[in-house]
Protein backbone atom coordinates (compact mmCIF):
# COMPACT_ATOMS: atom_id res chain seq x y z
CA MET A 1 -2.57 -3.32 3.87
CA ARG A 2 -3.79 -0.43 6.06
CA ILE A 3 -1.71 2.73 6.47
CA LEU A 4 -2.30 5.73 8.75
CA VAL A 5 -0.76 9.06 7.71
CA VAL A 6 -0.54 11.72 10.44
CA ASP A 7 0.70 15.13 9.26
CA ASP A 8 -0.69 18.64 9.80
CA GLU A 9 0.43 19.78 6.33
CA ILE A 10 -2.79 19.16 4.38
CA GLU A 11 -1.05 20.02 1.11
CA LEU A 12 1.25 17.03 1.75
CA THR A 13 -1.07 14.63 3.56
CA ASP A 14 -3.97 14.62 1.09
CA PRO A 15 -1.92 14.05 -2.10
CA LEU A 16 0.19 11.42 -0.31
CA SER A 17 -2.94 9.63 0.86
CA ARG A 18 -4.30 9.57 -2.71
CA ILE A 19 -1.02 8.26 -4.11
CA LEU A 20 -0.82 5.49 -1.49
CA SER A 21 -4.43 4.58 -2.27
CA ARG A 22 -3.57 4.30 -5.97
CA GLU A 23 -0.74 1.95 -4.96
CA GLY A 24 -3.38 -0.36 -3.53
CA TYR A 25 -3.19 0.52 0.17
CA SER A 26 -6.14 1.37 2.42
CA VAL A 27 -5.26 4.80 3.81
CA ASP A 28 -6.58 6.90 6.72
CA ALA A 29 -5.34 10.40 7.47
CA ALA A 30 -5.21 12.60 10.56
CA TYR A 31 -4.00 16.19 10.83
CA ASP A 32 -3.08 16.49 14.50
CA GLY A 33 -1.30 14.36 17.07
CA THR A 34 -4.28 13.85 19.37
CA SER A 35 -6.62 12.27 16.82
CA GLY A 36 -3.72 10.52 15.09
CA GLY A 37 -2.61 8.94 18.35
CA GLN A 38 -6.13 7.74 19.11
CA LEU A 39 -6.47 6.15 15.66
CA ALA A 40 -3.06 4.50 15.97
CA GLN A 41 -4.04 2.92 19.29
CA THR A 42 -7.58 1.84 18.47
CA SER A 43 -7.32 0.69 14.85
CA ASN A 44 -5.35 -2.18 13.34
CA TYR A 45 -2.83 -0.62 10.94
CA ASP A 46 0.07 -2.29 9.13
CA LEU A 47 2.13 0.92 8.97
CA LEU A 48 2.11 4.39 10.56
CA ILE A 49 3.58 7.39 8.73
CA LEU A 50 4.06 10.13 11.33
CA ASP A 51 5.22 13.71 11.08
CA TRP A 52 7.53 14.55 13.98
CA MET A 53 6.11 17.99 14.81
CA LEU A 54 2.31 17.89 15.22
CA PRO A 55 -0.24 20.01 17.09
CA GLY A 56 -1.65 18.43 20.23
CA LYS A 57 0.90 15.62 20.47
CA THR A 58 4.15 15.11 18.58
CA GLY A 59 4.84 12.10 16.40
CA LEU A 60 7.62 11.21 18.82
CA GLU A 61 5.14 11.12 21.71
CA ILE A 62 2.70 9.01 19.68
CA CYS A 63 5.43 6.49 18.90
CA GLN A 64 6.66 6.35 22.50
CA GLU A 65 3.13 5.78 23.82
CA LEU A 66 2.46 3.01 21.31
CA ARG A 67 5.64 1.19 22.27
CA ARG A 68 4.85 1.52 25.99
CA ARG A 69 1.50 -0.13 25.28
CA GLY A 70 3.21 -2.99 23.45
CA ILE A 71 1.94 -1.93 20.00
CA THR A 72 4.65 -2.88 17.50
CA THR A 73 3.15 -1.46 14.29
CA PRO A 74 6.07 -0.22 12.08
CA VAL A 75 6.56 3.56 12.23
CA LEU A 76 8.06 5.73 9.49
CA PHE A 77 8.91 9.28 10.60
CA LEU A 78 8.65 12.20 8.19
CA THR A 79 10.55 15.19 9.53
CA ALA A 80 12.72 18.17 8.74
CA LYS A 81 14.99 17.20 11.66
CA ASP A 82 18.13 15.70 10.13
CA THR A 83 20.95 15.71 12.70
CA LEU A 84 22.45 12.50 14.07
CA ASP A 85 21.02 13.24 17.52
CA ASP A 86 17.55 13.69 15.99
CA ARG A 87 17.83 10.34 14.22
CA VAL A 88 18.96 8.63 17.42
CA GLU A 89 16.07 10.20 19.33
CA GLY A 90 13.59 8.99 16.73
CA LEU A 91 14.98 5.46 16.67
CA ASP A 92 15.16 5.44 20.47
CA ALA A 93 11.45 6.27 20.58
CA GLY A 94 10.77 3.06 18.66
CA ALA A 95 10.64 4.28 15.06
CA ASP A 96 11.60 1.78 12.36
CA ASP A 97 12.62 4.22 9.63
CA TYR A 98 13.22 7.92 9.10
CA LEU A 99 12.75 10.12 6.02
CA VAL A 100 13.85 13.76 5.94
CA LYS A 101 11.67 16.39 4.29
CA PRO A 102 11.66 17.30 1.48
CA PHE A 103 11.79 13.80 0.02
CA GLU A 104 11.29 12.11 -3.33
CA LEU A 105 7.99 10.29 -3.66
CA ARG A 106 9.57 7.14 -5.08
CA GLU A 107 11.90 6.97 -2.07
CA LEU A 108 8.96 7.13 0.32
CA LEU A 109 7.12 4.41 -1.61
CA ALA A 110 10.25 2.24 -1.49
CA ARG A 111 10.49 2.70 2.29
CA VAL A 112 6.79 1.84 2.66
CA ARG A 113 7.20 -1.36 0.63
CA ALA A 114 10.26 -2.37 2.64
CA LEU A 115 8.59 -1.85 6.01
CA LEU A 116 5.44 -3.68 5.00
CA ARG A 117 7.45 -6.52 3.48
CA ARG A 118 9.40 -7.00 6.70
CA SER A 119 6.48 -6.63 9.06
CA VAL A 120 6.39 -9.81 11.13
CA SER A 121 3.11 -11.69 11.08
CA GLN A 122 2.16 -13.20 14.42
CA ILE A 123 0.83 -16.63 13.36
CA PRO A 124 -0.40 -18.91 16.19
CA GLY A 125 1.49 -22.17 16.31
CA THR A 126 4.47 -20.87 14.34
CA LEU A 127 7.79 -22.21 15.63
CA THR A 128 9.97 -19.37 16.91
CA VAL A 129 13.63 -19.69 15.88
CA ARG A 130 16.05 -18.06 18.31
CA LEU A 131 19.68 -17.09 17.80
CA THR A 132 22.31 -17.27 20.53
CA VAL A 133 25.78 -15.73 20.73
CA ALA A 134 27.63 -15.84 24.06
CA ASP A 135 25.02 -14.91 26.72
CA LEU A 136 22.79 -13.01 24.27
CA GLU A 137 19.67 -14.60 22.81
CA LEU A 138 17.44 -13.10 20.11
CA ASP A 139 13.84 -13.95 19.29
CA PRO A 140 13.59 -12.17 15.89
CA GLU A 141 9.94 -13.02 15.32
CA ASN A 142 8.87 -11.14 18.45
CA GLN A 143 11.65 -8.51 18.30
CA VAL A 144 12.92 -9.36 21.78
CA ALA A 145 16.42 -10.17 23.06
CA TYR A 146 17.51 -11.68 26.38
CA ARG A 147 20.76 -11.15 28.26
CA GLN A 148 21.65 -12.01 31.86
CA GLY A 149 18.01 -12.19 32.85
CA ARG A 150 17.05 -8.96 31.10
CA VAL A 151 14.28 -8.74 28.53
CA ILE A 152 15.31 -6.28 25.81
CA GLU A 153 12.57 -4.92 23.56
CA LEU A 154 13.78 -3.99 20.09
CA SER A 155 12.39 -1.96 17.22
CA GLN A 156 12.01 -3.71 13.88
CA LYS A 157 15.24 -2.23 12.50
CA GLU A 158 17.17 -3.01 15.70
CA SER A 159 15.99 -6.62 15.59
CA GLN A 160 16.93 -6.94 11.92
CA LEU A 161 20.38 -5.48 12.52
CA LEU A 162 21.03 -7.71 15.54
CA GLN A 163 19.87 -10.76 13.59
CA TYR A 164 22.25 -9.87 10.74
CA PHE A 165 25.11 -9.48 13.22
CA MET A 166 24.36 -12.77 14.98
CA GLU A 167 24.03 -14.70 11.72
CA ASN A 168 27.46 -13.41 10.70
CA THR A 169 29.34 -13.66 13.99
CA GLY A 170 33.06 -12.97 13.61
CA LYS A 171 32.73 -11.54 10.11
CA LEU A 172 33.52 -7.98 9.13
CA LEU A 173 30.29 -6.41 7.92
CA THR A 174 30.84 -3.20 5.97
CA HIS A 175 28.58 -0.18 6.13
CA THR A 176 27.51 -0.94 2.56
CA GLN A 177 26.58 -4.55 3.38
CA ILE A 178 24.55 -3.47 6.41
CA MET A 179 22.81 -0.73 4.41
CA GLN A 180 21.89 -3.15 1.62
CA TYR A 181 20.57 -5.70 4.12
CA LEU A 182 18.40 -3.27 6.07
CA TRP A 183 17.23 -1.28 3.07
CA GLN A 184 17.14 -3.70 0.16
CA ASP A 185 15.46 -1.26 -2.22
CA ASN A 186 17.56 1.06 -4.35
CA GLU A 187 16.59 4.08 -2.28
CA GLN A 188 18.66 4.07 0.91
CA PRO A 189 19.14 6.57 3.77
CA SER A 190 22.36 8.42 4.50
CA SER A 191 25.18 6.42 6.06
CA ASN A 192 24.93 8.09 9.49
CA VAL A 193 21.66 6.25 10.08
CA ILE A 194 23.72 3.06 10.50
CA ALA A 195 25.90 4.72 13.14
CA ALA A 196 22.79 5.94 14.98
CA LEU A 197 21.19 2.48 14.87
CA VAL A 198 24.34 0.71 16.10
CA ARG A 199 24.73 3.28 18.88
CA LEU A 200 21.18 2.66 20.03
CA LEU A 201 21.53 -1.13 19.84
CA ARG A 202 24.69 -0.98 21.94
CA ARG A 203 22.84 0.96 24.64
CA LYS A 204 20.32 -1.83 24.88
CA ILE A 205 22.43 -5.00 24.69
CA GLU A 206 25.71 -3.87 26.29
CA LEU A 207 25.18 -2.53 29.80
CA THR A 208 28.05 -1.62 32.11
CA GLY A 209 29.96 -4.75 33.10
CA GLU A 210 28.67 -6.87 30.22
CA THR A 211 31.02 -8.23 27.57
CA GLN A 212 31.18 -6.05 24.47
CA LEU A 213 29.75 -7.79 21.42
CA ILE A 214 29.59 -5.07 18.75
CA HIS A 215 33.08 -4.00 17.68
CA SER A 216 33.75 -1.05 15.36
CA VAL A 217 36.34 -1.60 12.64
CA TYR A 218 37.55 1.91 11.90
CA GLY A 219 36.69 3.13 8.43
CA LYS A 220 35.16 -0.21 7.41
CA GLY A 221 32.21 -1.38 9.49
CA TYR A 222 31.50 -3.70 12.42
CA ARG A 223 32.35 -7.18 13.71
CA PHE A 224 30.03 -9.01 16.12
CA GLY A 225 31.01 -11.50 18.82
CA ILE A 226 33.49 -11.91 21.66
CA SER A 227 36.81 -10.35 20.72
CA ASN A 228 39.93 -12.54 20.88
CA GLU A 229 42.13 -9.55 21.59
């Protein structure tokens, strides 16, 4: 597995690169956004670990440019930004996970394993299984949804969350259940990441005039499907 680490803090980047290498990964490092963005676009990586604030080009800009080009390599943001709006902005840019500095090394390694484990392999000839609820259709393998003629591109985490919702239509899914499904390792992010991810998913699949499918159950979690109320 190939990993690119882009962070201008050499005292963090170099030790992290060595640790990831000892874990068995092939690791490249860049110390500014310009060279990091070029590597991310021209080389075949299985995971990108990006600092948010970088000289030349921010990690957010790198991620946005990759997604515009149709490059779906999983992205893990490392950042000191920790507000809900920051998390939403990062997820909206196409990031798959988010880790706030300072962080524990074992938590980062757990996030890396989870993202690599869930990375979808594009195998020619593989049968694509699609899920349908009401007028919404999900192609989880390609991280794309369809609704009323719209093609909705999803990040890896958005696709996983929507798949979990659609496979459990009508059921109350608690915040804990969703957290354990999306982050199956022991190390999990703070609970407001779920709220940010749901908020972003709603923006994409529920436009004005379309039937609401994601329903909040106050203090408990969410229920997916057409409400009977």
